[in-house]
């Protein structure tokens, strides 16, 4: 069971806002957002060297 940073209640609100701005509703949209939040939190280096 994955551990999410966003609660289900907060995710439903964020998803509604994202869909208003025509963000494509993929099946794994929440996992993408959670991955972005994780990367911002832990400071993983990005890009190709």
PDB file of N, CA and C in Angstrom:
ATOM      1  N   UNK A   1       0.846  -1.178   0.000  1.00  0.00           N
ATOM      2  CA  UNK A   1       0.000   0.000   0.000  1.00  0.00           C
ATOM      3  C   UNK A   1       0.896   1.246   0.000  1.00  0.00           C
ATOM      4  N   UNK A   2       0.765   2.081  -1.030  1.00  0.00           N
ATOM      5  CA  UNK A   2       1.608   3.276  -1.093  1.00  0.00           C
ATOM      6  C   UNK A   2       1.222   4.290  -0.019  1.00  0.00           C
ATOM      7  N   UNK A   3       2.229   5.024   0.456  1.00  0.00           N
ATOM      8  CA  UNK A   3       1.972   6.093   1.415  1.00  0.00           C
ATOM      9  C   UNK A   3       1.963   7.405   0.656  1.00  0.00           C
ATOM     10  N   UNK A   4       0.885   8.115   0.791  1.00  0.00           N
ATOM     11  CA  UNK A   4       0.727   9.370   0.071  1.00  0.00           C
ATOM     12  C   UNK A   4       0.998  10.553   0.976  1.00  0.00           C
ATOM     13  N   UNK A   5       1.502  11.637   0.402  1.00  0.00           N
ATOM     14  CA  UNK A   5       1.669  12.883   1.142  1.00  0.00           C
ATOM     15  C   UNK A   5       0.336  13.618   1.212  1.00  0.00           C
ATOM     16  N   UNK A   6      -0.465  13.471   0.170  1.00  0.00           N
ATOM     17  CA  UNK A   6      -1.761  14.134   0.111  1.00  0.00           C
ATOM     18  C   UNK A   6      -2.844  13.200   0.646  1.00  0.00           C
ATOM     19  N   UNK A   7      -3.689  13.724   1.517  1.00  0.00           N
ATOM     20  CA  UNK A   7      -4.823  12.931   1.992  1.00  0.00           C
ATOM     21  C   UNK A   7      -5.814  12.773   0.844  1.00  0.00           C
ATOM     22  N   UNK A   8      -6.715  11.808   0.957  1.00  0.00           N
ATOM     23  CA  UNK A   8      -7.720  11.601  -0.088  1.00  0.00           C
ATOM     24  C   UNK A   8      -8.592  12.834  -0.263  1.00  0.00           C
ATOM     25  N   UNK A   9      -8.910  13.501   0.832  1.00  0.00           N
ATOM     26  CA  UNK A   9      -9.745  14.701   0.761  1.00  0.00           C
ATOM     27  C   UNK A   9      -9.021  15.822   0.018  1.00  0.00           C
ATOM     28  N   UNK A  10      -7.760  16.042   0.371  1.00  0.00           N
ATOM     29  CA  UNK A  10      -6.976  17.084  -0.292  1.00  0.00           C
ATOM     30  C   UNK A  10      -6.752  16.741  -1.759  1.00  0.00           C
ATOM     31  N   UNK A  11      -6.505  15.468  -2.068  1.00  0.00           N
ATOM     32  CA  UNK A  11      -6.298  15.061  -3.453  1.00  0.00           C
ATOM     33  C   UNK A  11      -7.552  15.319  -4.286  1.00  0.00           C
ATOM     34  N   UNK A  12      -8.737  15.026  -3.748  1.00  0.00           N
ATOM     35  CA  UNK A  12      -9.966  15.242  -4.526  1.00  0.00           C
ATOM     36  C   UNK A  12     -10.146  16.724  -4.845  1.00  0.00           C
ATOM     37  N   UNK A  13      -9.785  17.597  -3.911  1.00  0.00           N
ATOM     38  CA  UNK A  13      -9.882  19.041  -4.165  1.00  0.00           C
ATOM     39  C   UNK A  13      -8.865  19.478  -5.211  1.00  0.00           C
ATOM     40  N   UNK A  14      -7.625  19.004  -5.077  1.00  0.00           N
ATOM     41  CA  UNK A  14      -6.575  19.366  -6.026  1.00  0.00           C
ATOM     42  C   UNK A  14      -6.898  18.850  -7.424  1.00  0.00           C
ATOM     43  N   UNK A  15      -7.407  17.630  -7.508  1.00  0.00           N
ATOM     44  CA  UNK A  15      -7.756  17.056  -8.806  1.00  0.00           C
ATOM     45  C   UNK A  15      -8.843  17.876  -9.486  1.00  0.00           C
ATOM     46  N   UNK A  16      -9.833  18.301  -8.724  1.00  0.00           N
ATOM     47  CA  UNK A  16     -10.911  19.124  -9.273  1.00  0.00           C
ATOM     48  C   UNK A  16     -10.345  20.431  -9.835  1.00  0.00           C
ATOM     49  N   UNK A  17      -9.419  21.050  -9.113  1.00  0.00           N
ATOM     50  CA  UNK A  17      -8.800  22.294  -9.579  1.00  0.00           C
ATOM     51  C   UNK A  17      -7.975  22.040 -10.840  1.00  0.00           C
ATOM     52  N   UNK A  18      -7.201  20.967 -10.849  1.00  0.00           N
ATOM     53  CA  UNK A  18      -6.369  20.660 -12.013  1.00  0.00           C
ATOM     54  C   UNK A  18      -7.219  20.410 -13.247  1.00  0.00           C
ATOM     55  N   UNK A  19      -8.342  19.732 -13.087  1.00  0.00           N
ATOM     56  CA  UNK A  19      -9.207  19.446 -14.229  1.00  0.00           C
ATOM     57  C   UNK A  19      -9.871  20.718 -14.761  1.00  0.00           C
ATOM     58  N   UNK A  20     -10.078  21.711 -13.911  1.00  0.00           N
ATOM     59  CA  UNK A  20     -10.629  22.988 -14.374  1.00  0.00           C
ATOM     60  C   UNK A  20      -9.660  23.696 -15.306  1.00  0.00           C
ATOM     61  N   UNK A  21      -8.366  23.438 -15.123  1.00  0.00           N
ATOM     62  CA  UNK A  21      -7.345  24.047 -15.964  1.00  0.00           C
ATOM     63  C   UNK A  21      -6.910  23.112 -17.095  1.00  0.00           C
ATOM     64  N   UNK A  22      -7.759  22.169 -17.427  1.00  0.00           N
ATOM     65  CA  UNK A  22      -7.570  21.245 -18.551  1.00  0.00           C
ATOM     66  C   UNK A  22      -6.334  20.370 -18.409  1.00  0.00           C
ATOM     67  N   UNK A  23      -6.004  19.976 -17.172  1.00  0.00           N
ATOM     68  CA  UNK A  23      -4.938  19.003 -16.952  1.00  0.00           C
ATOM     69  C   UNK A  23      -5.499  17.642 -17.338  1.00  0.00           C
ATOM     70  N   UNK A  24      -4.789  16.924 -18.181  1.00  0.00           N
ATOM     71  CA  UNK A  24      -5.255  15.622 -18.664  1.00  0.00           C
ATOM     72  C   UNK A  24      -5.374  14.651 -17.503  1.00  0.00           C
ATOM     73  N   UNK A  25      -6.544  14.044 -17.351  1.00  0.00           N
ATOM     74  CA  UNK A  25      -6.818  13.136 -16.240  1.00  0.00           C
ATOM     75  C   UNK A  25      -6.375  11.716 -16.579  1.00  0.00           C
ATOM     76  N   UNK A  26      -5.088  11.463 -16.390  1.00  0.00           N
ATOM     77  CA  UNK A  26      -4.569  10.117 -16.606  1.00  0.00           C
ATOM     78  C   UNK A  26      -4.902   9.232 -15.419  1.00  0.00           C
ATOM     79  N   UNK A  27      -4.814   7.957 -15.595  1.00  0.00           N
ATOM     80  CA  UNK A  27      -5.096   7.016 -14.524  1.00  0.00           C
ATOM     81  C   UNK A  27      -4.097   7.171 -13.377  1.00  0.00           C
ATOM     82  N   UNK A  28      -2.859   7.533 -13.699  1.00  0.00           N
ATOM     83  CA  UNK A  28      -1.817   7.648 -12.682  1.00  0.00           C
ATOM     84  C   UNK A  28      -1.494   9.103 -12.335  1.00  0.00           C
ATOM     85  N   UNK A  29      -2.437  10.008 -12.512  1.00  0.00           N
ATOM     86  CA  UNK A  29      -2.204  11.428 -12.248  1.00  0.00           C
ATOM     87  C   UNK A  29      -1.779  11.655 -10.804  1.00  0.00           C
ATOM     88  N   UNK A  30      -2.427  10.975  -9.870  1.00  0.00           N
ATOM     89  CA  UNK A  30      -2.073  11.170  -8.463  1.00  0.00           C
ATOM     90  C   UNK A  30      -0.636  10.729  -8.189  1.00  0.00           C
ATOM     91  N   UNK A  31      -0.226   9.621  -8.769  1.00  0.00           N
ATOM     92  CA  UNK A  31       1.135   9.144  -8.548  1.00  0.00           C
ATOM     93  C   UNK A  31       2.156  10.119  -9.129  1.00  0.00           C
ATOM     94  N   UNK A  32       1.823  10.741 -10.251  1.00  0.00           N
ATOM     95  CA  UNK A  32       2.721  11.743 -10.835  1.00  0.00           C
ATOM     96  C   UNK A  32       2.868  12.935  -9.899  1.00  0.00           C
ATOM     97  N   UNK A  33       1.759  13.419  -9.367  1.00  0.00           N
ATOM     98  CA  UNK A  33       1.802  14.558  -8.444  1.00  0.00           C
ATOM     99  C   UNK A  33       2.561  14.173  -7.175  1.00  0.00           C
ATOM    100  N   UNK A  34       2.278  12.980  -6.650  1.00  0.00           N
ATOM    101  CA  UNK A  34       2.980  12.517  -5.452  1.00  0.00           C
ATOM    102  C   UNK A  34       4.486  12.408  -5.712  1.00  0.00           C
ATOM    103  N   UNK A  35       4.875  11.964  -6.898  1.00  0.00           N
ATOM    104  CA  UNK A  35       6.288  11.867  -7.256  1.00  0.00           C
ATOM    105  C   UNK A  35       6.955  13.229  -7.312  1.00  0.00           C
ATOM    106  N   UNK A  36       6.258  14.211  -7.846  1.00  0.00           N
ATOM    107  CA  UNK A  36       6.787  15.577  -7.896  1.00  0.00           C
ATOM    108  C   UNK A  36       6.972  16.116  -6.488  1.00  0.00           C
ATOM    109  N   UNK A  37       5.964  15.902  -5.629  1.00  0.00           N
ATOM    110  CA  UNK A  37       6.067  16.360  -4.241  1.00  0.00           C
ATOM    111  C   UNK A  37       7.222  15.669  -3.517  1.00  0.00           C
ATOM    112  N   UNK A  38       7.403  14.373  -3.756  1.00  0.00           N
ATOM    113  CA  UNK A  38       8.496  13.635  -3.127  1.00  0.00           C
ATOM    114  C   UNK A  38       9.842  14.202  -3.556  1.00  0.00           C
ATOM    115  N   UNK A  39       9.960  14.439  -4.849  1.00  0.00           N
ATOM    116  CA  UNK A  39      11.223  14.951  -5.374  1.00  0.00           C
ATOM    117  C   UNK A  39      11.538  16.332  -4.822  1.00  0.00           C
ATOM    118  N   UNK A  40      10.516  17.160  -4.668  1.00  0.00           N
ATOM    119  CA  UNK A  40      10.715  18.484  -4.086  1.00  0.00           C
ATOM    120  C   UNK A  40      11.096  18.374  -2.611  1.00  0.00           C
ATOM    121  N   UNK A  41      10.516  17.414  -1.917  1.00  0.00           N
ATOM    122  CA  UNK A  41      10.758  17.271  -0.480  1.00  0.00           C
ATOM    123  C   UNK A  41      12.168  16.764  -0.195  1.00  0.00           C
ATOM    124  N   UNK A  42      12.633  15.756  -0.929  1.00  0.00           N
ATOM    125  CA  UNK A  42      13.930  15.149  -0.626  1.00  0.00           C
ATOM    126  C   UNK A  42      15.084  15.754  -1.425  1.00  0.00           C
ATOM    127  N   UNK A  43      14.771  16.540  -2.434  1.00  0.00           N
ATOM    128  CA  UNK A  43      15.820  17.215  -3.187  1.00  0.00           C
ATOM    129  C   UNK A  43      16.626  16.284  -4.081  1.00  0.00           C
ATOM    130  N   UNK A  44      15.980  15.347  -4.754  1.00  0.00           N
ATOM    131  CA  UNK A  44      16.677  14.463  -5.686  1.00  0.00           C
ATOM    132  C   UNK A  44      17.264  15.273  -6.828  1.00  0.00           C
ATOM    133  N   UNK A  45      18.484  14.974  -7.225  1.00  0.00           N
ATOM    134  CA  UNK A  45      19.049  15.685  -8.373  1.00  0.00           C
ATOM    135  C   UNK A  45      18.321  15.280  -9.653  1.00  0.00           C
ATOM    136  N   UNK A  46      18.182  16.180 -10.569  1.00  0.00           N
ATOM    137  CA  UNK A  46      17.461  15.887 -11.798  1.00  0.00           C
ATOM    138  C   UNK A  46      18.330  16.129 -13.014  1.00  0.00           C
ATOM    139  N   UNK A  47      17.792  15.762 -14.136  1.00  0.00           N
ATOM    140  CA  UNK A  47      18.500  15.980 -15.379  1.00  0.00           C
ATOM    141  C   UNK A  47      19.487  14.881 -15.715  1.00  0.00           C
ATOM    142  N   UNK A  48      19.979  14.950 -16.924  1.00  0.00           N
ATOM    143  CA  UNK A  48      20.948  13.957 -17.400  1.00  0.00           C
ATOM    144  C   UNK A  48      22.316  14.601 -17.402  1.00  0.00           C
ATOM    145  N   UNK A  49      23.263  13.922 -16.850  1.00  0.00           N
ATOM    146  CA  UNK A  49      24.636  14.474 -16.781  1.00  0.00           C
ATOM    147  C   UNK A  49      25.415  14.152 -18.019  1.00  0.00           C
TER     148      UNK A  49
END
